[in-house]
Amino acid sequence: TEKLIEKFRAKASKASMAQSLIKKLDKVERIEVD
């Protein structure tokens, strides 16, 4: 997802998609190992 964000950020037409992926990533609950 982070690679896609970096890729989309470079293109003005994909900027909104990059922002959407960033929001999605922020909502991910990180899995922790005991």
PDB file of all heavy atoms in Angstrom:
ATOM      1  N   THR A   1       0.830  -1.205   0.000  1.00  0.00           N
ATOM      2  CA  THR A   1       0.000   0.000   0.000  1.00  0.00           C
ATOM      3  C   THR A   1       0.867   1.259   0.000  1.00  0.00           C
ATOM      4  O   THR A   1       0.586   2.240  -0.703  1.00  0.00           O
ATOM      5  CB  THR A   1      -0.937   0.001   1.225  1.00  0.00           C
ATOM      6  OG1 THR A   1      -1.718  -1.187   1.217  1.00  0.00           O
ATOM      7  CG2 THR A   1      -1.860   1.209   1.216  1.00  0.00           C
ATOM      8  N   GLU A   2       1.955   1.228   0.805  1.00  0.00           N
ATOM      9  CA  GLU A   2       2.856   2.391   0.884  1.00  0.00           C
ATOM     10  C   GLU A   2       3.546   2.649  -0.455  1.00  0.00           C
ATOM     11  O   GLU A   2       3.762   3.812  -0.848  1.00  0.00           O
ATOM     12  CB  GLU A   2       3.891   2.164   1.978  1.00  0.00           C
ATOM     13  CG  GLU A   2       3.308   2.294   3.387  1.00  0.00           C
ATOM     14  CD  GLU A   2       4.293   1.919   4.479  1.00  0.00           C
ATOM     15  OE1 GLU A   2       5.285   1.215   4.154  1.00  0.00           O
ATOM     16  OE2 GLU A   2       4.066   2.308   5.645  1.00  0.00           O
ATOM     17  N   LYS A   3       3.891   1.571  -1.174  1.00  0.00           N
ATOM     18  CA  LYS A   3       4.494   1.728  -2.504  1.00  0.00           C
ATOM     19  C   LYS A   3       3.508   2.379  -3.476  1.00  0.00           C
ATOM     20  O   LYS A   3       3.874   3.243  -4.286  1.00  0.00           O
ATOM     21  CB  LYS A   3       4.932   0.360  -3.046  1.00  0.00           C
ATOM     22  CG  LYS A   3       6.204  -0.179  -2.397  1.00  0.00           C
ATOM     23  CD  LYS A   3       6.554  -1.551  -2.954  1.00  0.00           C
ATOM     24  CE  LYS A   3       7.786  -2.122  -2.243  1.00  0.00           C
ATOM     25  NZ  LYS A   3       8.092  -3.496  -2.734  1.00  0.00           N
ATOM     26  N   LEU A   4       2.222   1.942  -3.394  1.00  0.00           N
ATOM     27  CA  LEU A   4       1.195   2.534  -4.253  1.00  0.00           C
ATOM     28  C   LEU A   4       1.008   4.020  -3.950  1.00  0.00           C
ATOM     29  O   LEU A   4       0.848   4.844  -4.864  1.00  0.00           O
ATOM     30  CB  LEU A   4      -0.138   1.795  -4.078  1.00  0.00           C
ATOM     31  CG  LEU A   4      -0.262   0.418  -4.739  1.00  0.00           C
ATOM     32  CD1 LEU A   4      -1.558  -0.256  -4.321  1.00  0.00           C
ATOM     33  CD2 LEU A   4      -0.190   0.553  -6.252  1.00  0.00           C
ATOM     34  N   ILE A   5       1.031   4.330  -2.645  1.00  0.00           N
ATOM     35  CA  ILE A   5       0.865   5.743  -2.241  1.00  0.00           C
ATOM     36  C   ILE A   5       1.982   6.595  -2.841  1.00  0.00           C
ATOM     37  O   ILE A   5       1.736   7.675  -3.398  1.00  0.00           O
ATOM     38  CB  ILE A   5       0.851   5.859  -0.700  1.00  0.00           C
ATOM     39  CG1 ILE A   5      -0.445   5.255  -0.133  1.00  0.00           C
ATOM     40  CG2 ILE A   5       0.974   7.324  -0.254  1.00  0.00           C
ATOM     41  CD1 ILE A   5      -0.454   5.100   1.377  1.00  0.00           C
ATOM     42  N   GLU A   6       3.240   6.125  -2.720  1.00  0.00           N
ATOM     43  CA  GLU A   6       4.381   6.866  -3.273  1.00  0.00           C
ATOM     44  C   GLU A   6       4.260   7.004  -4.790  1.00  0.00           C
ATOM     45  O   GLU A   6       4.582   8.047  -5.367  1.00  0.00           O
ATOM     46  CB  GLU A   6       5.694   6.156  -2.924  1.00  0.00           C
ATOM     47  CG  GLU A   6       6.070   6.222  -1.453  1.00  0.00           C
ATOM     48  CD  GLU A   6       6.191   7.650  -0.968  1.00  0.00           C
ATOM     49  OE1 GLU A   6       6.816   8.470  -1.678  1.00  0.00           O
ATOM     50  OE2 GLU A   6       5.643   7.959   0.110  1.00  0.00           O
ATOM     51  N   LYS A   7       3.773   5.941  -5.432  1.00  0.00           N
ATOM     52  CA  LYS A   7       3.622   5.940  -6.888  1.00  0.00           C
ATOM     53  C   LYS A   7       2.540   6.929  -7.328  1.00  0.00           C
ATOM     54  O   LYS A   7       2.718   7.713  -8.276  1.00  0.00           O
ATOM     55  CB  LYS A   7       3.262   4.520  -7.346  1.00  0.00           C
ATOM     56  CG  LYS A   7       3.248   4.341  -8.854  1.00  0.00           C
ATOM     57  CD  LYS A   7       2.954   2.888  -9.194  1.00  0.00           C
ATOM     58  CE  LYS A   7       2.916   2.704 -10.705  1.00  0.00           C
ATOM     59  NZ  LYS A   7       2.582   1.303 -11.063  1.00  0.00           N
ATOM     60  N   PHE A   8       1.393   6.908  -6.593  1.00  0.00           N
ATOM     61  CA  PHE A   8       0.263   7.778  -6.975  1.00  0.00           C
ATOM     62  C   PHE A   8       0.533   9.248  -6.640  1.00  0.00           C
ATOM     63  O   PHE A   8      -0.004  10.150  -7.282  1.00  0.00           O
ATOM     64  CB  PHE A   8      -1.014   7.316  -6.279  1.00  0.00           C
ATOM     65  CG  PHE A   8      -1.531   5.996  -6.806  1.00  0.00           C
ATOM     66  CD1 PHE A   8      -2.400   5.218  -6.037  1.00  0.00           C
ATOM     67  CD2 PHE A   8      -1.149   5.526  -8.057  1.00  0.00           C
ATOM     68  CE1 PHE A   8      -2.869   4.004  -6.510  1.00  0.00           C
ATOM     69  CE2 PHE A   8      -1.631   4.319  -8.551  1.00  0.00           C
ATOM     70  CZ  PHE A   8      -2.479   3.548  -7.766  1.00  0.00           C
ATOM     71  N   ARG A   9       1.334   9.483  -5.610  1.00  0.00           N
ATOM     72  CA  ARG A   9       1.623  10.865  -5.215  1.00  0.00           C
ATOM     73  C   ARG A   9       2.320  11.632  -6.341  1.00  0.00           C
ATOM     74  O   ARG A   9       2.190  12.859  -6.458  1.00  0.00           O
ATOM     75  CB  ARG A   9       2.539  10.874  -3.978  1.00  0.00           C
ATOM     76  CG  ARG A   9       1.774  10.898  -2.664  1.00  0.00           C
ATOM     77  CD  ARG A   9       2.746  10.865  -1.515  1.00  0.00           C
ATOM     78  NE  ARG A   9       2.051  10.997  -0.236  1.00  0.00           N
ATOM     79  CZ  ARG A   9       2.600  10.720   0.953  1.00  0.00           C
ATOM     80  NH1 ARG A   9       3.862  10.304   0.991  1.00  0.00           N
ATOM     81  NH2 ARG A   9       1.910  10.879   2.051  1.00  0.00           N
ATOM     82  N   ALA A  10       3.087  10.908  -7.126  1.00  0.00           N
ATOM     83  CA  ALA A  10       3.867  11.552  -8.184  1.00  0.00           C
ATOM     84  C   ALA A  10       3.003  12.017  -9.354  1.00  0.00           C
ATOM     85  O   ALA A  10       3.440  12.821 -10.185  1.00  0.00           O
ATOM     86  CB  ALA A  10       4.950  10.593  -8.682  1.00  0.00           C
ATOM     87  N   LYS A  11       1.756  11.507  -9.429  1.00  0.00           N
ATOM     88  CA  LYS A  11       0.865  11.864 -10.534  1.00  0.00           C
ATOM     89  C   LYS A  11      -0.311  12.677 -10.008  1.00  0.00           C
ATOM     90  O   LYS A  11      -0.997  12.252  -9.084  1.00  0.00           O
ATOM     91  CB  LYS A  11       0.354  10.605 -11.233  1.00  0.00           C
ATOM     92  CG  LYS A  11       1.470   9.764 -11.857  1.00  0.00           C
ATOM     93  CD  LYS A  11       0.906   8.522 -12.516  1.00  0.00           C
ATOM     94  CE  LYS A  11       2.015   7.664 -13.140  1.00  0.00           C
ATOM     95  NZ  LYS A  11       1.454   6.447 -13.771  1.00  0.00           N
ATOM     96  N   ALA A  12      -0.526  13.837 -10.613  1.00  0.00           N
ATOM     97  CA  ALA A  12      -1.618  14.717 -10.170  1.00  0.00           C
ATOM     98  C   ALA A  12      -2.966  14.047 -10.322  1.00  0.00           C
ATOM     99  O   ALA A  12      -3.869  14.210  -9.482  1.00  0.00           O
ATOM    100  CB  ALA A  12      -1.589  16.021 -10.974  1.00  0.00           C
ATOM    101  N   SER A  13      -3.126  13.213 -11.348  1.00  0.00           N
ATOM    102  CA  SER A  13      -4.419  12.571 -11.606  1.00  0.00           C
ATOM    103  C   SER A  13      -4.737  11.494 -10.572  1.00  0.00           C
ATOM    104  O   SER A  13      -5.884  11.077 -10.422  1.00  0.00           O
ATOM    105  CB  SER A  13      -4.442  11.958 -13.014  1.00  0.00           C
ATOM    106  OG  SER A  13      -3.400  10.985 -13.121  1.00  0.00           O
ATOM    107  N   LYS A  14      -3.684  11.032  -9.877  1.00  0.00           N
ATOM    108  CA  LYS A  14      -3.874   9.954  -8.895  1.00  0.00           C
ATOM    109  C   LYS A  14      -3.783  10.452  -7.439  1.00  0.00           C
ATOM    110  O   LYS A  14      -3.792   9.666  -6.501  1.00  0.00           O
ATOM    111  CB  LYS A  14      -2.795   8.872  -9.083  1.00  0.00           C
ATOM    112  CG  LYS A  14      -2.775   8.235 -10.463  1.00  0.00           C
ATOM    113  CD  LYS A  14      -3.958   7.297 -10.654  1.00  0.00           C
ATOM    114  CE  LYS A  14      -3.835   6.552 -11.990  1.00  0.00           C
ATOM    115  NZ  LYS A  14      -4.942   5.612 -12.181  1.00  0.00           N
ATOM    116  N   ALA A  15      -3.667  11.772  -7.253  1.00  0.00           N
ATOM    117  CA  ALA A  15      -3.469  12.328  -5.907  1.00  0.00           C
ATOM    118  C   ALA A  15      -4.610  11.970  -4.965  1.00  0.00           C
ATOM    119  O   ALA A  15      -4.396  11.648  -3.790  1.00  0.00           O
ATOM    120  CB  ALA A  15      -3.312  13.848  -5.987  1.00  0.00           C
ATOM    121  N   SER A  16      -5.845  12.044  -5.468  1.00  0.00           N
ATOM    122  CA  SER A  16      -7.003  11.729  -4.613  1.00  0.00           C
ATOM    123  C   SER A  16      -6.976  10.262  -4.194  1.00  0.00           C
ATOM    124  O   SER A  16      -7.351   9.902  -3.072  1.00  0.00           O
ATOM    125  CB  SER A  16      -8.318  12.059  -5.338  1.00  0.00           C
ATOM    126  OG  SER A  16      -8.433  11.279  -6.523  1.00  0.00           O
ATOM    127  N   MET A  17      -6.520   9.406  -5.106  1.00  0.00           N
ATOM    128  CA  MET A  17      -6.433   7.974  -4.790  1.00  0.00           C
ATOM    129  C   MET A  17      -5.371   7.737  -3.715  1.00  0.00           C
ATOM    130  O   MET A  17      -5.547   6.911  -2.808  1.00  0.00           O
ATOM    131  CB  MET A  17      -6.101   7.178  -6.048  1.00  0.00           C
ATOM    132  CG  MET A  17      -6.236   5.667  -5.882  1.00  0.00           C
ATOM    133  SD  MET A  17      -6.008   4.774  -7.418  1.00  0.00           S
ATOM    134  CE  MET A  17      -7.479   5.252  -8.311  1.00  0.00           C
ATOM    135  N   ALA A  18      -4.273   8.507  -3.800  1.00  0.00           N
ATOM    136  CA  ALA A  18      -3.218   8.389  -2.796  1.00  0.00           C
ATOM    137  C   ALA A  18      -3.733   8.793  -1.429  1.00  0.00           C
ATOM    138  O   ALA A  18      -3.448   8.127  -0.419  1.00  0.00           O
ATOM    139  CB  ALA A  18      -2.027   9.256  -3.197  1.00  0.00           C
ATOM    140  N   GLN A  19      -4.499   9.873  -1.364  1.00  0.00           N
ATOM    141  CA  GLN A  19      -5.069  10.330  -0.095  1.00  0.00           C
ATOM    142  C   GLN A  19      -6.025   9.292   0.491  1.00  0.00           C
ATOM    143  O   GLN A  19      -6.072   9.053   1.697  1.00  0.00           O
ATOM    144  CB  GLN A  19      -5.807  11.663  -0.292  1.00  0.00           C
ATOM    145  CG  GLN A  19      -4.889  12.850  -0.535  1.00  0.00           C
ATOM    146  CD  GLN A  19      -3.944  13.076   0.629  1.00  0.00           C
ATOM    147  OE1 GLN A  19      -4.340  13.002   1.795  1.00  0.00           O
ATOM    148  NE2 GLN A  19      -2.671  13.326   0.309  1.00  0.00           N
ATOM    149  N   SER A  20      -6.790   8.664  -0.401  1.00  0.00           N
ATOM    150  CA  SER A  20      -7.734   7.628   0.041  1.00  0.00           C
ATOM    151  C   SER A  20      -6.993   6.438   0.660  1.00  0.00           C
ATOM    152  O   SER A  20      -7.396   5.892   1.691  1.00  0.00           O
ATOM    153  CB  SER A  20      -8.575   7.166  -1.150  1.00  0.00           C
ATOM    154  OG  SER A  20      -9.426   6.105  -0.777  1.00  0.00           O
ATOM    155  N   LEU A  21      -5.869   6.050   0.019  1.00  0.00           N
ATOM    156  CA  LEU A  21      -5.077   4.933   0.549  1.00  0.00           C
ATOM    157  C   LEU A  21      -4.433   5.288   1.891  1.00  0.00           C
ATOM    158  O   LEU A  21      -4.314   4.447   2.780  1.00  0.00           O
ATOM    159  CB  LEU A  21      -3.985   4.545  -0.464  1.00  0.00           C
ATOM    160  CG  LEU A  21      -4.460   3.784  -1.710  1.00  0.00           C
ATOM    161  CD1 LEU A  21      -3.318   3.645  -2.708  1.00  0.00           C
ATOM    162  CD2 LEU A  21      -5.012   2.414  -1.340  1.00  0.00           C
ATOM    163  N   ILE A  22      -4.015   6.571   2.026  1.00  0.00           N
ATOM    164  CA  ILE A  22      -3.411   7.012   3.297  1.00  0.00           C
ATOM    165  C   ILE A  22      -4.421   6.914   4.431  1.00  0.00           C
ATOM    166  O   ILE A  22      -4.109   6.430   5.528  1.00  0.00           O
ATOM    167  CB  ILE A  22      -2.882   8.463   3.158  1.00  0.00           C
ATOM    168  CG1 ILE A  22      -1.652   8.481   2.254  1.00  0.00           C
ATOM    169  CG2 ILE A  22      -2.527   9.036   4.538  1.00  0.00           C
ATOM    170  CD1 ILE A  22      -1.188   9.872   1.866  1.00  0.00           C
ATOM    171  N   LYS A  23      -5.659   7.351   4.166  1.00  0.00           N
ATOM    172  CA  LYS A  23      -6.711   7.271   5.194  1.00  0.00           C
ATOM    173  C   LYS A  23      -7.003   5.810   5.552  1.00  0.00           C
ATOM    174  O   LYS A  23      -7.208   5.461   6.724  1.00  0.00           O
ATOM    175  CB  LYS A  23      -7.981   7.951   4.694  1.00  0.00           C
ATOM    176  CG  LYS A  23      -7.887   9.468   4.621  1.00  0.00           C
ATOM    177  CD  LYS A  23      -9.168  10.072   4.074  1.00  0.00           C
ATOM    178  CE  LYS A  23      -9.055  11.595   3.961  1.00  0.00           C
ATOM    179  NZ  LYS A  23     -10.275  12.187   3.356  1.00  0.00           N
ATOM    180  N   LYS A  24      -7.021   4.985   4.527  1.00  0.00           N
ATOM    181  CA  LYS A  24      -7.285   3.554   4.753  1.00  0.00           C
ATOM    182  C   LYS A  24      -6.189   2.939   5.619  1.00  0.00           C
ATOM    183  O   LYS A  24      -6.448   2.135   6.525  1.00  0.00           O
ATOM    184  CB  LYS A  24      -7.367   2.846   3.400  1.00  0.00           C
ATOM    185  CG  LYS A  24      -7.723   1.368   3.495  1.00  0.00           C
ATOM    186  CD  LYS A  24      -7.791   0.748   2.115  1.00  0.00           C
ATOM    187  CE  LYS A  24      -8.081  -0.744   2.218  1.00  0.00           C
ATOM    188  NZ  LYS A  24      -8.080  -1.392   0.883  1.00  0.00           N
ATOM    189  N   LEU A  25      -4.933   3.350   5.330  1.00  0.00           N
ATOM    190  CA  LEU A  25      -3.792   2.821   6.066  1.00  0.00           C
ATOM    191  C   LEU A  25      -3.828   3.266   7.532  1.00  0.00           C
ATOM    192  O   LEU A  25      -3.464   2.513   8.435  1.00  0.00           O
ATOM    193  CB  LEU A  25      -2.494   3.296   5.409  1.00  0.00           C
ATOM    194  CG  LEU A  25      -1.228   2.464   5.686  1.00  0.00           C
ATOM    195  CD1 LEU A  25      -1.418   1.021   5.270  1.00  0.00           C
ATOM    196  CD2 LEU A  25      -0.034   3.075   4.966  1.00  0.00           C
ATOM    197  N   ASP A  26      -4.273   4.515   7.761  1.00  0.00           N
ATOM    198  CA  ASP A  26      -4.348   5.037   9.133  1.00  0.00           C
ATOM    199  C   ASP A  26      -5.348   4.264   9.984  1.00  0.00           C
ATOM    200  O   ASP A  26      -5.219   4.190  11.218  1.00  0.00           O
ATOM    201  CB  ASP A  26      -4.736   6.520   9.111  1.00  0.00           C
ATOM    202  CG  ASP A  26      -3.591   7.393   8.615  1.00  0.00           C
ATOM    203  OD1 ASP A  26      -2.442   6.914   8.656  1.00  0.00           O
ATOM    204  OD2 ASP A  26      -3.842   8.531   8.173  1.00  0.00           O
ATOM    205  N   LYS A  27      -6.368   3.710   9.319  1.00  0.00           N
ATOM    206  CA  LYS A  27      -7.421   3.001  10.057  1.00  0.00           C
ATOM    207  C   LYS A  27      -7.054   1.537  10.364  1.00  0.00           C
ATOM    208  O   LYS A  27      -7.749   0.861  11.127  1.00  0.00           O
ATOM    209  CB  LYS A  27      -8.724   3.024   9.257  1.00  0.00           C
ATOM    210  CG  LYS A  27      -9.352   4.415   9.162  1.00  0.00           C
ATOM    211  CD  LYS A  27     -10.614   4.374   8.316  1.00  0.00           C
ATOM    212  CE  LYS A  27     -11.245   5.761   8.196  1.00  0.00           C
ATOM    213  NZ  LYS A  27     -12.423   5.754   7.301  1.00  0.00           N
ATOM    214  N   VAL A  28      -5.984   1.061   9.729  1.00  0.00           N
ATOM    215  CA  VAL A  28      -5.590  -0.344   9.932  1.00  0.00           C
ATOM    216  C   VAL A  28      -5.141  -0.557  11.378  1.00  0.00           C
ATOM    217  O   VAL A  28      -4.299   0.176  11.894  1.00  0.00           O
ATOM    218  CB  VAL A  28      -4.458  -0.755   8.967  1.00  0.00           C
ATOM    219  CG1 VAL A  28      -3.902  -2.131   9.346  1.00  0.00           C
ATOM    220  CG2 VAL A  28      -4.958  -0.767   7.534  1.00  0.00           C
ATOM    221  N   GLU A  29      -5.730  -1.554  12.016  1.00  0.00           N
ATOM    222  CA  GLU A  29      -5.320  -1.905  13.386  1.00  0.00           C
ATOM    223  C   GLU A  29      -4.142  -2.865  13.305  1.00  0.00           C
ATOM    224  O   GLU A  29      -4.274  -3.996  12.828  1.00  0.00           O
ATOM    225  CB  GLU A  29      -6.487  -2.565  14.137  1.00  0.00           C
ATOM    226  CG  GLU A  29      -6.222  -2.718  15.621  1.00  0.00           C
ATOM    227  CD  GLU A  29      -7.455  -3.222  16.377  1.00  0.00           C
ATOM    228  OE1 GLU A  29      -8.584  -2.944  15.942  1.00  0.00           O
ATOM    229  OE2 GLU A  29      -7.266  -3.921  17.382  1.00  0.00           O
ATOM    230  N   ARG A  30      -2.987  -2.383  13.736  1.00  0.00           N
ATOM    231  CA  ARG A  30      -1.762  -3.169  13.595  1.00  0.00           C
ATOM    232  C   ARG A  30      -1.809  -4.412  14.489  1.00  0.00           C
ATOM    233  O   ARG A  30      -2.147  -4.330  15.670  1.00  0.00           O
ATOM    234  CB  ARG A  30      -0.538  -2.337  13.973  1.00  0.00           C
ATOM    235  CG  ARG A  30      -0.377  -1.049  13.149  1.00  0.00           C
ATOM    236  CD  ARG A  30      -0.099  -1.350  11.687  1.00  0.00           C
ATOM    237  NE  ARG A  30      -0.099  -0.141  10.873  1.00  0.00           N
ATOM    238  CZ  ARG A  30       0.989   0.340  10.271  1.00  0.00           C
ATOM    239  NH1 ARG A  30       2.156  -0.255  10.416  1.00  0.00           N
ATOM    240  NH2 ARG A  30       0.898   1.420   9.509  1.00  0.00           N
ATOM    241  N   ILE A  31      -1.465  -5.539  13.911  1.00  0.00           N
ATOM    242  CA  ILE A  31      -1.431  -6.806  14.667  1.00  0.00           C
ATOM    243  C   ILE A  31      -0.171  -6.830  15.522  1.00  0.00           C
ATOM    244  O   ILE A  31       0.935  -6.582  15.031  1.00  0.00           O
ATOM    245  CB  ILE A  31      -1.454  -8.016  13.717  1.00  0.00           C
ATOM    246  CG1 ILE A  31      -2.782  -8.057  12.953  1.00  0.00           C
ATOM    247  CG2 ILE A  31      -1.223  -9.318  14.486  1.00  0.00           C
ATOM    248  CD1 ILE A  31      -2.806  -9.082  11.831  1.00  0.00           C
ATOM    249  N   GLU A  32      -0.333  -7.109  16.803  1.00  0.00           N
ATOM    250  CA  GLU A  32       0.802  -7.201  17.711  1.00  0.00           C
ATOM    251  C   GLU A  32       1.024  -8.654  18.120  1.00  0.00           C
ATOM    252  O   GLU A  32       0.074  -9.407  18.323  1.00  0.00           O
ATOM    253  CB  GLU A  32       0.569  -6.358  18.967  1.00  0.00           C
ATOM    254  CG  GLU A  32       0.554  -4.863  18.698  1.00  0.00           C
ATOM    255  CD  GLU A  32       0.439  -4.051  19.974  1.00  0.00           C
ATOM    256  OE1 GLU A  32       0.422  -4.671  21.059  1.00  0.00           O
ATOM    257  OE2 GLU A  32       0.372  -2.816  19.877  1.00  0.00           O
ATOM    258  N   VAL A  33       2.288  -9.009  18.230  1.00  0.00           N
ATOM    259  CA  VAL A  33       2.648 -10.361  18.696  1.00  0.00           C
ATOM    260  C   VAL A  33       2.905 -10.282  20.193  1.00  0.00           C
ATOM    261  O   VAL A  33       3.603  -9.381  20.663  1.00  0.00           O
ATOM    262  CB  VAL A  33       3.910 -10.878  17.973  1.00  0.00           C
ATOM    263  CG1 VAL A  33       4.327 -12.244  18.522  1.00  0.00           C
ATOM    264  CG2 VAL A  33       3.658 -10.951  16.474  1.00  0.00           C
ATOM    265  N   ASP A  34       2.294 -11.212  20.951  1.00  0.00           N
ATOM    266  CA  ASP A  34       2.488 -11.235  22.403  1.00  0.00           C
ATOM    267  C   ASP A  34       3.982 -11.291  22.718  1.00  0.00           C
ATOM    268  O   ASP A  34       4.707 -12.151  22.203  1.00  0.00           O
ATOM    269  CB  ASP A  34       1.805 -12.460  23.026  1.00  0.00           C
ATOM    270  CG  ASP A  34       0.290 -12.398  22.884  1.00  0.00           C
ATOM    271  OD1 ASP A  34      -0.231 -11.295  22.677  1.00  0.00           O
ATOM    272  OD2 ASP A  34      -0.351 -13.464  22.981  1.00  0.00           O
TER     273      ASP A  34
END
